[in-house]
Amino acid sequence: VVILRNDIVEKTYSIKGNEESLVGMRNVAGEIEASKMAMKYCIDNNIKHLKLYFDYEGIEKWCVGAWKANKEGTIEYKKFYDSIKDKLHVEFIKVKAHSGDRYNEEADKLAKAAIGI
C-alpha cells in the first residue's frame, strides 16, 4: 500500500498476510487486504475521503454490489466495507495494471517484497 496525502508519500505498507479466508485467492487476497489497510488508515487518522486506486476491478465491484461476494474472503471484504462506508467516502479509481502507473508499480513492488519475491 502506498498512502499519499497532498501528492506526497505519507506511508507505505509491505506486509505478508495471514488471513485464512483469503489463502486460496492468491493475488486477489493481497488486493483485498491492501484496500482494507488503506481504508483503515483513513478511519484511524480521521480522514473522511479516500481516492482508492486499484488495478483489479473486484476491489470496487464487491463493495458497490456489482459483483456478488461468494467466497469467504470476498464476503468478509464486503462486510468490512459496509461497516465503514458511513465513516469514509471511498472514491474507487481503476488503473490499468502493469502500465507504468507510478504508485501502482510501487504497490506491486511492496507486495512482492512482502512475500520475498
PDB file of N, CA and C in Angstrom:
ATOM      1  N   VAL A   1       0.853  -1.178   0.000  1.00  0.00           N
ATOM      2  CA  VAL A   1       0.000   0.000   0.000  1.00  0.00           C
ATOM      3  C   VAL A   1       0.895   1.235   0.000  1.00  0.00           C
ATOM      4  N   VAL A   2       0.517   2.195  -0.822  1.00  0.00           N
ATOM      5  CA  VAL A   2       1.188   3.485  -0.843  1.00  0.00           C
ATOM      6  C   VAL A   2       0.132   4.519  -0.462  1.00  0.00           C
ATOM      7  N   ILE A   3       0.329   5.187   0.662  1.00  0.00           N
ATOM      8  CA  ILE A   3      -0.595   6.221   1.129  1.00  0.00           C
ATOM      9  C   ILE A   3      -0.025   7.578   0.718  1.00  0.00           C
ATOM     10  N   LEU A   4      -0.812   8.322  -0.037  1.00  0.00           N
ATOM     11  CA  LEU A   4      -0.425   9.672  -0.447  1.00  0.00           C
ATOM     12  C   LEU A   4      -1.352  10.666   0.224  1.00  0.00           C
ATOM     13  N   ARG A   5      -0.788  11.787   0.626  1.00  0.00           N
ATOM     14  CA  ARG A   5      -1.595  12.911   1.112  1.00  0.00           C
ATOM     15  C   ARG A   5      -1.005  14.157   0.479  1.00  0.00           C
ATOM     16  N   ASN A   6      -1.836  14.887  -0.258  1.00  0.00           N
ATOM     17  CA  ASN A   6      -1.380  16.079  -0.986  1.00  0.00           C
ATOM     18  C   ASN A   6      -0.209  15.745  -1.925  1.00  0.00           C
ATOM     19  N   ASP A   7      -0.326  14.607  -2.606  1.00  0.00           N
ATOM     20  CA  ASP A   7       0.666  14.153  -3.593  1.00  0.00           C
ATOM     21  C   ASP A   7       2.040  13.833  -3.006  1.00  0.00           C
ATOM     22  N   ILE A   8       2.102  13.627  -1.704  1.00  0.00           N
ATOM     23  CA  ILE A   8       3.353  13.265  -1.037  1.00  0.00           C
ATOM     24  C   ILE A   8       3.149  11.909  -0.360  1.00  0.00           C
ATOM     25  N   VAL A   9       4.111  10.995  -0.541  1.00  0.00           N
ATOM     26  CA  VAL A   9       4.012   9.686   0.104  1.00  0.00           C
ATOM     27  C   VAL A   9       4.091   9.885   1.607  1.00  0.00           C
ATOM     28  N   GLU A  10       3.020   9.511   2.282  1.00  0.00           N
ATOM     29  CA  GLU A  10       2.946   9.650   3.732  1.00  0.00           C
ATOM     30  C   GLU A  10       3.354   8.363   4.435  1.00  0.00           C
ATOM     31  N   LYS A  11       2.989   7.233   3.839  1.00  0.00           N
ATOM     32  CA  LYS A  11       3.268   5.946   4.477  1.00  0.00           C
ATOM     33  C   LYS A  11       3.183   4.854   3.418  1.00  0.00           C
ATOM     34  N   THR A  12       3.954   3.792   3.619  1.00  0.00           N
ATOM     35  CA  THR A  12       3.822   2.599   2.789  1.00  0.00           C
ATOM     36  C   THR A  12       3.687   1.388   3.705  1.00  0.00           C
ATOM     37  N   TYR A  13       3.050   0.369   3.182  1.00  0.00           N
ATOM     38  CA  TYR A  13       2.913  -0.899   3.895  1.00  0.00           C
ATOM     39  C   TYR A  13       3.373  -2.013   2.976  1.00  0.00           C
ATOM     40  N   SER A  14       4.117  -2.946   3.531  1.00  0.00           N
ATOM     41  CA  SER A  14       4.557  -4.139   2.818  1.00  0.00           C
ATOM     42  C   SER A  14       4.471  -5.287   3.811  1.00  0.00           C
ATOM     43  N   ILE A  15       3.313  -5.916   3.865  1.00  0.00           N
ATOM     44  CA  ILE A  15       3.023  -6.904   4.910  1.00  0.00           C
ATOM     45  C   ILE A  15       2.539  -8.203   4.288  1.00  0.00           C
ATOM     46  N   LYS A  16       3.078  -9.301   4.747  1.00  0.00           N
ATOM     47  CA  LYS A  16       2.604 -10.616   4.320  1.00  0.00           C
ATOM     48  C   LYS A  16       1.380 -10.956   5.164  1.00  0.00           C
ATOM     49  N   GLY A  17       0.277 -11.212   4.498  1.00  0.00           N
ATOM     50  CA  GLY A  17      -0.969 -11.502   5.204  1.00  0.00           C
ATOM     51  C   GLY A  17      -1.032 -12.914   5.743  1.00  0.00           C
ATOM     52  N   ASN A  18      -2.003 -13.133   6.613  1.00  0.00           N
ATOM     53  CA  ASN A  18      -2.211 -14.464   7.186  1.00  0.00           C
ATOM     54  C   ASN A  18      -3.700 -14.750   7.387  1.00  0.00           C
ATOM     55  N   GLU A  19      -4.533 -14.107   6.594  1.00  0.00           N
ATOM     56  CA  GLU A  19      -5.977 -14.270   6.711  1.00  0.00           C
ATOM     57  C   GLU A  19      -6.385 -15.585   6.055  1.00  0.00           C
ATOM     58  N   GLU A  20      -6.832 -16.547   6.863  1.00  0.00           N
ATOM     59  CA  GLU A  20      -7.184 -17.881   6.377  1.00  0.00           C
ATOM     60  C   GLU A  20      -8.221 -17.859   5.259  1.00  0.00           C
ATOM     61  N   SER A  21      -9.198 -16.970   5.346  1.00  0.00           N
ATOM     62  CA  SER A  21     -10.271 -16.941   4.351  1.00  0.00           C
ATOM     63  C   SER A  21      -9.777 -16.495   2.975  1.00  0.00           C
ATOM     64  N   LEU A  22      -8.544 -15.980   2.902  1.00  0.00           N
ATOM     65  CA  LEU A  22      -8.014 -15.471   1.638  1.00  0.00           C
ATOM     66  C   LEU A  22      -6.948 -16.350   1.014  1.00  0.00           C
ATOM     67  N   VAL A  23      -6.540 -17.403   1.693  1.00  0.00           N
ATOM     68  CA  VAL A  23      -5.403 -18.211   1.251  1.00  0.00           C
ATOM     69  C   VAL A  23      -5.553 -18.707  -0.187  1.00  0.00           C
ATOM     70  N   GLY A  24      -6.702 -19.199  -0.564  1.00  0.00           N
ATOM     71  CA  GLY A  24      -6.892 -19.752  -1.901  1.00  0.00           C
ATOM     72  C   GLY A  24      -7.105 -18.719  -2.982  1.00  0.00           C
ATOM     73  N   MET A  25      -7.118 -17.445  -2.622  1.00  0.00           N
ATOM     74  CA  MET A  25      -7.431 -16.403  -3.596  1.00  0.00           C
ATOM     75  C   MET A  25      -6.184 -15.773  -4.223  1.00  0.00           C
ATOM     76  N   ARG A  26      -5.014 -16.227  -3.860  1.00  0.00           N
ATOM     77  CA  ARG A  26      -3.737 -15.788  -4.405  1.00  0.00           C
ATOM     78  C   ARG A  26      -3.601 -14.272  -4.441  1.00  0.00           C
ATOM     79  N   ASN A  27      -3.289 -13.670  -5.595  1.00  0.00           N
ATOM     80  CA  ASN A  27      -3.012 -12.229  -5.621  1.00  0.00           C
ATOM     81  C   ASN A  27      -4.233 -11.375  -5.293  1.00  0.00           C
ATOM     82  N   VAL A  28      -5.440 -11.898  -5.485  1.00  0.00           N
ATOM     83  CA  VAL A  28      -6.648 -11.144  -5.124  1.00  0.00           C
ATOM     84  C   VAL A  28      -6.661 -10.885  -3.614  1.00  0.00           C
ATOM     85  N   ALA A  29      -6.134 -11.827  -2.858  1.00  0.00           N
ATOM     86  CA  ALA A  29      -6.058 -11.660  -1.406  1.00  0.00           C
ATOM     87  C   ALA A  29      -5.271 -10.409  -1.047  1.00  0.00           C
ATOM     88  N   GLY A  30      -4.153 -10.198  -1.712  1.00  0.00           N
ATOM     89  CA  GLY A  30      -3.343  -9.015  -1.454  1.00  0.00           C
ATOM     90  C   GLY A  30      -4.062  -7.735  -1.833  1.00  0.00           C
ATOM     91  N   GLU A  31      -4.782  -7.785  -2.938  1.00  0.00           N
ATOM     92  CA  GLU A  31      -5.552  -6.610  -3.376  1.00  0.00           C
ATOM     93  C   GLU A  31      -6.602  -6.244  -2.329  1.00  0.00           C
ATOM     94  N   ILE A  32      -7.299  -7.256  -1.818  1.00  0.00           N
ATOM     95  CA  ILE A  32      -8.337  -7.032  -0.798  1.00  0.00           C
ATOM     96  C   ILE A  32      -7.720  -6.475   0.479  1.00  0.00           C
ATOM     97  N   GLU A  33      -6.679  -7.114   0.966  1.00  0.00           N
ATOM     98  CA  GLU A  33      -6.065  -6.676   2.226  1.00  0.00           C
ATOM     99  C   GLU A  33      -5.460  -5.280   2.099  1.00  0.00           C
ATOM    100  N   ALA A  34      -4.854  -4.982   0.963  1.00  0.00           N
ATOM    101  CA  ALA A  34      -4.286  -3.645   0.755  1.00  0.00           C
ATOM    102  C   ALA A  34      -5.387  -2.585   0.763  1.00  0.00           C
ATOM    103  N   SER A  35      -6.503  -2.892   0.133  1.00  0.00           N
ATOM    104  CA  SER A  35      -7.622  -1.942   0.117  1.00  0.00           C
ATOM    105  C   SER A  35      -8.147  -1.705   1.525  1.00  0.00           C
ATOM    106  N   LYS A  36      -8.269  -2.775   2.289  1.00  0.00           N
ATOM    107  CA  LYS A  36      -8.733  -2.642   3.676  1.00  0.00           C
ATOM    108  C   LYS A  36      -7.738  -1.824   4.494  1.00  0.00           C
ATOM    109  N   MET A  37      -6.444  -2.032   4.273  1.00  0.00           N
ATOM    110  CA  MET A  37      -5.421  -1.263   5.002  1.00  0.00           C
ATOM    111  C   MET A  37      -5.568   0.225   4.734  1.00  0.00           C
ATOM    112  N   ALA A  38      -5.757   0.579   3.476  1.00  0.00           N
ATOM    113  CA  ALA A  38      -5.916   1.988   3.113  1.00  0.00           C
ATOM    114  C   ALA A  38      -7.154   2.573   3.781  1.00  0.00           C
ATOM    115  N   MET A  39      -8.240   1.824   3.768  1.00  0.00           N
ATOM    116  CA  MET A  39      -9.478   2.292   4.403  1.00  0.00           C
ATOM    117  C   MET A  39      -9.295   2.438   5.912  1.00  0.00           C
ATOM    118  N   LYS A  40      -8.656   1.441   6.536  1.00  0.00           N
ATOM    119  CA  LYS A  40      -8.413   1.501   7.984  1.00  0.00           C
ATOM    120  C   LYS A  40      -7.519   2.692   8.330  1.00  0.00           C
ATOM    121  N   TYR A  41      -6.510   2.933   7.508  1.00  0.00           N
ATOM    122  CA  TYR A  41      -5.618   4.069   7.747  1.00  0.00           C
ATOM    123  C   TYR A  41      -6.419   5.367   7.797  1.00  0.00           C
ATOM    124  N   CYS A  42      -7.319   5.518   6.857  1.00  0.00           N
ATOM    125  CA  CYS A  42      -8.145   6.734   6.817  1.00  0.00           C
ATOM    126  C   CYS A  42      -9.034   6.843   8.051  1.00  0.00           C
ATOM    127  N   ILE A  43      -9.681   5.762   8.415  1.00  0.00           N
ATOM    128  CA  ILE A  43     -10.545   5.758   9.603  1.00  0.00           C
ATOM    129  C   ILE A  43      -9.719   6.129  10.836  1.00  0.00           C
ATOM    130  N   ASP A  44      -8.566   5.470  10.999  1.00  0.00           N
ATOM    131  CA  ASP A  44      -7.709   5.705  12.171  1.00  0.00           C
ATOM    132  C   ASP A  44      -7.157   7.125  12.227  1.00  0.00           C
ATOM    133  N   ASN A  45      -7.038   7.787  11.075  1.00  0.00           N
ATOM    134  CA  ASN A  45      -6.463   9.125  11.016  1.00  0.00           C
ATOM    135  C   ASN A  45      -7.499  10.208  10.721  1.00  0.00           C
ATOM    136  N   ASN A  46      -8.763   9.848  10.939  1.00  0.00           N
ATOM    137  CA  ASN A  46      -9.873  10.791  10.796  1.00  0.00           C
ATOM    138  C   ASN A  46      -9.912  11.466   9.419  1.00  0.00           C
ATOM    139  N   ILE A  47      -9.589  10.672   8.400  1.00  0.00           N
ATOM    140  CA  ILE A  47      -9.667  11.127   7.015  1.00  0.00           C
ATOM    141  C   ILE A  47     -11.034  10.705   6.496  1.00  0.00           C
ATOM    142  N   LYS A  48     -11.753  11.621   5.900  1.00  0.00           N
ATOM    143  CA  LYS A  48     -13.144  11.368   5.510  1.00  0.00           C
ATOM    144  C   LYS A  48     -13.320  10.975   4.047  1.00  0.00           C
ATOM    145  N   HIS A  49     -12.312  11.194   3.207  1.00  0.00           N
ATOM    146  CA  HIS A  49     -12.427  10.894   1.779  1.00  0.00           C
ATOM    147  C   HIS A  49     -11.165  10.173   1.316  1.00  0.00           C
ATOM    148  N   LEU A  50     -11.348   9.061   0.654  1.00  0.00           N
ATOM    149  CA  LEU A  50     -10.232   8.266   0.136  1.00  0.00           C
ATOM    150  C   LEU A  50     -10.395   8.082  -1.362  1.00  0.00           C
ATOM    151  N   LYS A  51      -9.352   8.422  -2.104  1.00  0.00           N
ATOM    152  CA  LYS A  51      -9.279   8.055  -3.515  1.00  0.00           C
ATOM    153  C   LYS A  51      -8.480   6.762  -3.552  1.00  0.00           C
ATOM    154  N   LEU A  52      -9.177   5.663  -3.791  1.00  0.00           N
ATOM    155  CA  LEU A  52      -8.555   4.340  -3.763  1.00  0.00           C
ATOM    156  C   LEU A  52      -8.262   3.899  -5.192  1.00  0.00           C
ATOM    157  N   TYR A  53      -6.987   3.907  -5.550  1.00  0.00           N
ATOM    158  CA  TYR A  53      -6.549   3.463  -6.864  1.00  0.00           C
ATOM    159  C   TYR A  53      -6.287   1.965  -6.803  1.00  0.00           C
ATOM    160  N   PHE A  54      -6.756   1.239  -7.787  1.00  0.00           N
ATOM    161  CA  PHE A  54      -6.637  -0.213  -7.794  1.00  0.00           C
ATOM    162  C   PHE A  54      -6.536  -0.696  -9.226  1.00  0.00           C
ATOM    163  N   ASP A  55      -6.029  -1.922  -9.406  1.00  0.00           N
ATOM    164  CA  ASP A  55      -5.951  -2.456 -10.764  1.00  0.00           C
ATOM    165  C   ASP A  55      -6.788  -3.722 -10.955  1.00  0.00           C
ATOM    166  N   TYR A  56      -7.384  -4.230  -9.895  1.00  0.00           N
ATOM    167  CA  TYR A  56      -8.253  -5.407 -10.014  1.00  0.00           C
ATOM    168  C   TYR A  56      -9.691  -4.963  -9.763  1.00  0.00           C
ATOM    169  N   GLU A  57     -10.552  -5.093 -10.767  1.00  0.00           N
ATOM    170  CA  GLU A  57     -11.879  -4.491 -10.698  1.00  0.00           C
ATOM    171  C   GLU A  57     -12.768  -5.004  -9.564  1.00  0.00           C
ATOM    172  N   GLY A  58     -12.500  -6.181  -9.045  1.00  0.00           N
ATOM    173  CA  GLY A  58     -13.294  -6.691  -7.935  1.00  0.00           C
ATOM    174  C   GLY A  58     -13.223  -5.814  -6.697  1.00  0.00           C
ATOM    175  N   ILE A  59     -12.125  -5.083  -6.535  1.00  0.00           N
ATOM    176  CA  ILE A  59     -11.948  -4.212  -5.370  1.00  0.00           C
ATOM    177  C   ILE A  59     -13.117  -3.246  -5.241  1.00  0.00           C
ATOM    178  N   GLU A  60     -13.567  -2.707  -6.336  1.00  0.00           N
ATOM    179  CA  GLU A  60     -14.738  -1.836  -6.318  1.00  0.00           C
ATOM    180  C   GLU A  60     -16.029  -2.639  -6.427  1.00  0.00           C
ATOM    181  N   LYS A  61     -16.073  -3.587  -7.344  1.00  0.00           N
ATOM    182  CA  LYS A  61     -17.325  -4.271  -7.685  1.00  0.00           C
ATOM    183  C   LYS A  61     -17.951  -4.986  -6.493  1.00  0.00           C
ATOM    184  N   TRP A  62     -17.146  -5.625  -5.644  1.00  0.00           N
ATOM    185  CA  TRP A  62     -17.708  -6.289  -4.461  1.00  0.00           C
ATOM    186  C   TRP A  62     -18.284  -5.267  -3.496  1.00  0.00           C
ATOM    187  N   CYS A  63     -17.594  -4.156  -3.316  1.00  0.00           N
ATOM    188  CA  CYS A  63     -18.048  -3.131  -2.367  1.00  0.00           C
ATOM    189  C   CYS A  63     -19.375  -2.517  -2.781  1.00  0.00           C
ATOM    190  N   VAL A  64     -19.499  -2.178  -4.048  1.00  0.00           N
ATOM    191  CA  VAL A  64     -20.705  -1.482  -4.504  1.00  0.00           C
ATOM    192  C   VAL A  64     -21.831  -2.437  -4.891  1.00  0.00           C
ATOM    193  N   GLY A  65     -21.577  -3.732  -4.791  1.00  0.00           N
ATOM    194  CA  GLY A  65     -22.616  -4.709  -5.077  1.00  0.00           C
ATOM    195  C   GLY A  65     -22.771  -5.081  -6.538  1.00  0.00           C
ATOM    196  N   ALA A  66     -21.851  -4.643  -7.396  1.00  0.00           N
ATOM    197  CA  ALA A  66     -21.915  -5.003  -8.813  1.00  0.00           C
ATOM    198  C   ALA A  66     -21.547  -6.466  -9.028  1.00  0.00           C
ATOM    199  N   TRP A  67     -20.716  -7.001  -8.153  1.00  0.00           N
ATOM    200  CA  TRP A  67     -20.381  -8.426  -8.150  1.00  0.00           C
ATOM    201  C   TRP A  67     -20.865  -9.012  -6.840  1.00  0.00           C
ATOM    202  N   LYS A  68     -21.388 -10.222  -6.902  1.00  0.00           N
ATOM    203  CA  LYS A  68     -21.810 -10.921  -5.688  1.00  0.00           C
ATOM    204  C   LYS A  68     -20.570 -11.487  -4.993  1.00  0.00           C
ATOM    205  N   ALA A  69     -20.472 -11.246  -3.718  1.00  0.00           N
ATOM    206  CA  ALA A  69     -19.379 -11.813  -2.924  1.00  0.00           C
ATOM    207  C   ALA A  69     -19.760 -13.247  -2.574  1.00  0.00           C
ATOM    208  N   ASN A  70     -19.056 -14.214  -3.155  1.00  0.00           N
ATOM    209  CA  ASN A  70     -19.388 -15.631  -2.975  1.00  0.00           C
ATOM    210  C   ASN A  70     -18.426 -16.363  -2.049  1.00  0.00           C
ATOM    211  N   LYS A  71     -17.162 -16.001  -2.090  1.00  0.00           N
ATOM    212  CA  LYS A  71     -16.154 -16.676  -1.280  1.00  0.00           C
ATOM    213  C   LYS A  71     -16.062 -16.017   0.083  1.00  0.00           C
ATOM    214  N   GLU A  72     -15.581 -16.776   1.053  1.00  0.00           N
ATOM    215  CA  GLU A  72     -15.464 -16.252   2.410  1.00  0.00           C
ATOM    216  C   GLU A  72     -14.683 -14.938   2.448  1.00  0.00           C
ATOM    217  N   GLY A  73     -13.571 -14.867   1.707  1.00  0.00           N
ATOM    218  CA  GLY A  73     -12.746 -13.662   1.706  1.00  0.00           C
ATOM    219  C   GLY A  73     -13.459 -12.456   1.121  1.00  0.00           C
ATOM    220  N   THR A  74     -14.223 -12.652   0.051  1.00  0.00           N
ATOM    221  CA  THR A  74     -14.930 -11.523  -0.551  1.00  0.00           C
ATOM    222  C   THR A  74     -16.144 -11.129   0.280  1.00  0.00           C
ATOM    223  N   ILE A  75     -16.754 -12.095   0.918  1.00  0.00           N
ATOM    224  CA  ILE A  75     -17.880 -11.798   1.818  1.00  0.00           C
ATOM    225  C   ILE A  75     -17.397 -10.935   2.979  1.00  0.00           C
ATOM    226  N   GLU A  76     -16.262 -11.301   3.564  1.00  0.00           N
ATOM    227  CA  GLU A  76     -15.695 -10.529   4.674  1.00  0.00           C
ATOM    228  C   GLU A  76     -15.274  -9.131   4.220  1.00  0.00           C
ATOM    229  N   TYR A  77     -14.738  -9.031   3.020  1.00  0.00           N
ATOM    230  CA  TYR A  77     -14.343  -7.728   2.469  1.00  0.00           C
ATOM    231  C   TYR A  77     -15.569  -6.828   2.322  1.00  0.00           C
ATOM    232  N   LYS A  78     -16.632  -7.357   1.761  1.00  0.00           N
ATOM    233  CA  LYS A  78     -17.875  -6.589   1.593  1.00  0.00           C
ATOM    234  C   LYS A  78     -18.426  -6.161   2.955  1.00  0.00           C
ATOM    235  N   LYS A  79     -18.409  -7.061   3.929  1.00  0.00           N
ATOM    236  CA  LYS A  79     -18.876  -6.721   5.286  1.00  0.00           C
ATOM    237  C   LYS A  79     -18.027  -5.596   5.878  1.00  0.00           C
ATOM    238  N   PHE A  80     -16.709  -5.694   5.683  1.00  0.00           N
ATOM    239  CA  PHE A  80     -15.823  -4.646   6.191  1.00  0.00           C
ATOM    240  C   PHE A  80     -16.189  -3.309   5.556  1.00  0.00           C
ATOM    241  N   TYR A  81     -16.298  -3.283   4.242  1.00  0.00           N
ATOM    242  CA  TYR A  81     -16.636  -2.043   3.546  1.00  0.00           C
ATOM    243  C   TYR A  81     -17.964  -1.485   4.050  1.00  0.00           C
ATOM    244  N   ASP A  82     -18.964  -2.351   4.166  1.00  0.00           N
ATOM    245  CA  ASP A  82     -20.276  -1.897   4.638  1.00  0.00           C
ATOM    246  C   ASP A  82     -20.182  -1.291   6.040  1.00  0.00           C
ATOM    247  N   SER A  83     -19.258  -1.797   6.850  1.00  0.00           N
ATOM    248  CA  SER A  83     -19.126  -1.306   8.226  1.00  0.00           C
ATOM    249  C   SER A  83     -18.458   0.068   8.310  1.00  0.00           C
ATOM    250  N   ILE A  84     -17.745   0.470   7.255  1.00  0.00           N
ATOM    251  CA  ILE A  84     -17.025   1.752   7.303  1.00  0.00           C
ATOM    252  C   ILE A  84     -17.550   2.792   6.319  1.00  0.00           C
ATOM    253  N   LYS A  85     -18.417   2.400   5.419  1.00  0.00           N
ATOM    254  CA  LYS A  85     -18.803   3.313   4.333  1.00  0.00           C
ATOM    255  C   LYS A  85     -19.537   4.567   4.806  1.00  0.00           C
ATOM    256  N   ASP A  86     -20.112   4.546   6.007  1.00  0.00           N
ATOM    257  CA  ASP A  86     -20.746   5.750   6.534  1.00  0.00           C
ATOM    258  C   ASP A  86     -19.746   6.687   7.209  1.00  0.00           C
ATOM    259  N   LYS A  87     -18.536   6.194   7.473  1.00  0.00           N
ATOM    260  CA  LYS A  87     -17.490   6.996   8.102  1.00  0.00           C
ATOM    261  C   LYS A  87     -16.480   7.529   7.086  1.00  0.00           C
ATOM    262  N   LEU A  88     -16.418   6.857   5.934  1.00  0.00           N
ATOM    263  CA  LEU A  88     -15.396   7.171   4.938  1.00  0.00           C
ATOM    264  C   LEU A  88     -15.997   7.093   3.546  1.00  0.00           C
ATOM    265  N   HIS A  89     -15.879   8.170   2.790  1.00  0.00           N
ATOM    266  CA  HIS A  89     -16.309   8.146   1.393  1.00  0.00           C
ATOM    267  C   HIS A  89     -15.144   7.611   0.573  1.00  0.00           C
ATOM    268  N   VAL A  90     -15.349   6.483  -0.070  1.00  0.00           N
ATOM    269  CA  VAL A  90     -14.308   5.880  -0.896  1.00  0.00           C
ATOM    270  C   VAL A  90     -14.640   6.143  -2.361  1.00  0.00           C
ATOM    271  N   GLU A  91     -13.730   6.816  -3.023  1.00  0.00           N
ATOM    272  CA  GLU A  91     -13.838   7.041  -4.463  1.00  0.00           C
ATOM    273  C   GLU A  91     -12.928   6.011  -5.131  1.00  0.00           C
ATOM    274  N   PHE A  92     -13.524   5.055  -5.805  1.00  0.00           N
ATOM    275  CA  PHE A  92     -12.773   3.984  -6.449  1.00  0.00           C
ATOM    276  C   PHE A  92     -12.283   4.455  -7.818  1.00  0.00           C
ATOM    277  N   ILE A  93     -10.972   4.283  -8.069  1.00  0.00           N
ATOM    278  CA  ILE A  93     -10.381   4.721  -9.333  1.00  0.00           C
ATOM    279  C   ILE A  93      -9.566   3.562  -9.915  1.00  0.00           C
ATOM    280  N   LYS A  94     -10.027   3.039 -11.029  1.00  0.00           N
ATOM    281  CA  LYS A  94      -9.376   1.896 -11.683  1.00  0.00           C
ATOM    282  C   LYS A  94      -8.209   2.386 -12.526  1.00  0.00           C
ATOM    283  N   VAL A  95      -7.058   1.742 -12.364  1.00  0.00           N
ATOM    284  CA  VAL A  95      -5.902   1.983 -13.220  1.00  0.00           C
ATOM    285  C   VAL A  95      -5.534   0.667 -13.902  1.00  0.00           C
ATOM    286  N   LYS A  96      -4.927   0.782 -15.049  1.00  0.00           N
ATOM    287  CA  LYS A  96      -4.523  -0.406 -15.783  1.00  0.00           C
ATOM    288  C   LYS A  96      -3.274  -1.003 -15.134  1.00  0.00           C
ATOM    289  N   ALA A  97      -3.308  -2.295 -14.897  1.00  0.00           N
ATOM    290  CA  ALA A  97      -2.167  -2.988 -14.293  1.00  0.00           C
ATOM    291  C   ALA A  97      -0.977  -3.003 -15.247  1.00  0.00           C
ATOM    292  N   HIS A  98       0.212  -2.950 -14.682  1.00  0.00           N
ATOM    293  CA  HIS A  98       1.466  -3.073 -15.439  1.00  0.00           C
ATOM    294  C   HIS A  98       1.533  -2.098 -16.615  1.00  0.00           C
ATOM    295  N   SER A  99       1.042  -0.886 -16.372  1.00  0.00           N
ATOM    296  CA  SER A  99       1.008   0.121 -17.435  1.00  0.00           C
ATOM    297  C   SER A  99       1.962   1.275 -17.158  1.00  0.00           C
ATOM    298  N   GLY A 100       2.760   1.144 -16.112  1.00  0.00           N
ATOM    299  CA  GLY A 100       3.697   2.201 -15.779  1.00  0.00           C
ATOM    300  C   GLY A 100       3.167   3.228 -14.793  1.00  0.00           C
ATOM    301  N   ASP A 101       1.940   3.017 -14.278  1.00  0.00           N
ATOM    302  CA  ASP A 101       1.420   3.934 -13.258  1.00  0.00           C
ATOM    303  C   ASP A 101       2.368   3.897 -12.055  1.00  0.00           C
ATOM    304  N   ARG A 102       2.928   5.032 -11.719  1.00  0.00           N
ATOM    305  CA  ARG A 102       3.999   5.120 -10.714  1.00  0.00           C
ATOM    306  C   ARG A 102       3.644   4.428  -9.397  1.00  0.00           C
ATOM    307  N   TYR A 103       2.520   4.763  -8.823  1.00  0.00           N
ATOM    308  CA  TYR A 103       2.209   4.233  -7.497  1.00  0.00           C
ATOM    309  C   TYR A 103       1.631   2.828  -7.546  1.00  0.00           C
ATOM    310  N   ASN A 104       1.018   2.459  -8.672  1.00  0.00           N
ATOM    311  CA  ASN A 104       0.576   1.076  -8.823  1.00  0.00           C
ATOM    312  C   ASN A 104       1.794   0.157  -8.919  1.00  0.00           C
ATOM    313  N   GLU A 105       2.805   0.610  -9.646  1.00  0.00           N
ATOM    314  CA  GLU A 105       4.046  -0.166  -9.748  1.00  0.00           C
ATOM    315  C   GLU A 105       4.740  -0.262  -8.385  1.00  0.00           C
ATOM    316  N   GLU A 106       4.732   0.838  -7.634  1.00  0.00           N
ATOM    317  CA  GLU A 106       5.323   0.836  -6.287  1.00  0.00           C
ATOM    318  C   GLU A 106       4.577  -0.133  -5.374  1.00  0.00           C
ATOM    319  N   ALA A 107       3.252  -0.125  -5.434  1.00  0.00           N
ATOM    320  CA  ALA A 107       2.463  -1.055  -4.626  1.00  0.00           C
ATOM    321  C   ALA A 107       2.773  -2.499  -4.993  1.00  0.00           C
ATOM    322  N   ASP A 108       2.937  -2.779  -6.281  1.00  0.00           N
ATOM    323  CA  ASP A 108       3.310  -4.136  -6.721  1.00  0.00           C
ATOM    324  C   ASP A 108       4.667  -4.546  -6.158  1.00  0.00           C
ATOM    325  N   LYS A 109       5.627  -3.625  -6.152  1.00  0.00           N
ATOM    326  CA  LYS A 109       6.954  -3.917  -5.583  1.00  0.00           C
ATOM    327  C   LYS A 109       6.856  -4.214  -4.092  1.00  0.00           C
ATOM    328  N   LEU A 110       6.052  -3.426  -3.383  1.00  0.00           N
ATOM    329  CA  LEU A 110       5.880  -3.646  -1.943  1.00  0.00           C
ATOM    330  C   LEU A 110       5.231  -5.011  -1.679  1.00  0.00           C
ATOM    331  N   ALA A 111       4.265  -5.382  -2.504  1.00  0.00           N
ATOM    332  CA  ALA A 111       3.596  -6.677  -2.353  1.00  0.00           C
ATOM    333  C   ALA A 111       4.581  -7.824  -2.576  1.00  0.00           C
ATOM    334  N   LYS A 112       5.383  -7.711  -3.606  1.00  0.00           N
ATOM    335  CA  LYS A 112       6.383  -8.756  -3.895  1.00  0.00           C
ATOM    336  C   LYS A 112       7.417  -8.849  -2.782  1.00  0.00           C
ATOM    337  N   ALA A 113       7.841  -7.709  -2.270  1.00  0.00           N
ATOM    338  CA  ALA A 113       8.822  -7.700  -1.179  1.00  0.00           C
ATOM    339  C   ALA A 113       8.266  -8.402   0.056  1.00  0.00           C
ATOM    340  N   ALA A 114       6.977  -8.236   0.300  1.00  0.00           N
ATOM    341  CA  ALA A 114       6.356  -8.858   1.486  1.00  0.00           C
ATOM    342  C   ALA A 114       6.414 -10.377   1.441  1.00  0.00           C
ATOM    343  N   ILE A 115       6.369 -10.921   0.231  1.00  0.00           N
ATOM    344  CA  ILE A 115       6.405 -12.398   0.121  1.00  0.00           C
ATOM    345  C   ILE A 115       7.750 -12.912  -0.374  1.00  0.00           C
ATOM    346  N   GLY A 116       8.750 -12.024  -0.409  1.00  0.00           N
ATOM    347  CA  GLY A 116      10.111 -12.441  -0.714  1.00  0.00           C
ATOM    348  C   GLY A 116      10.428 -12.638  -2.184  1.00  0.00           C
ATOM    349  N   ILE A 117       9.706 -11.946  -3.050  1.00  0.00           N
ATOM    350  CA  ILE A 117       9.983 -12.061  -4.488  1.00  0.00           C
ATOM    351  C   ILE A 117      10.797 -10.860  -4.932  1.00  0.00           C
TER     352      ILE A 117
END
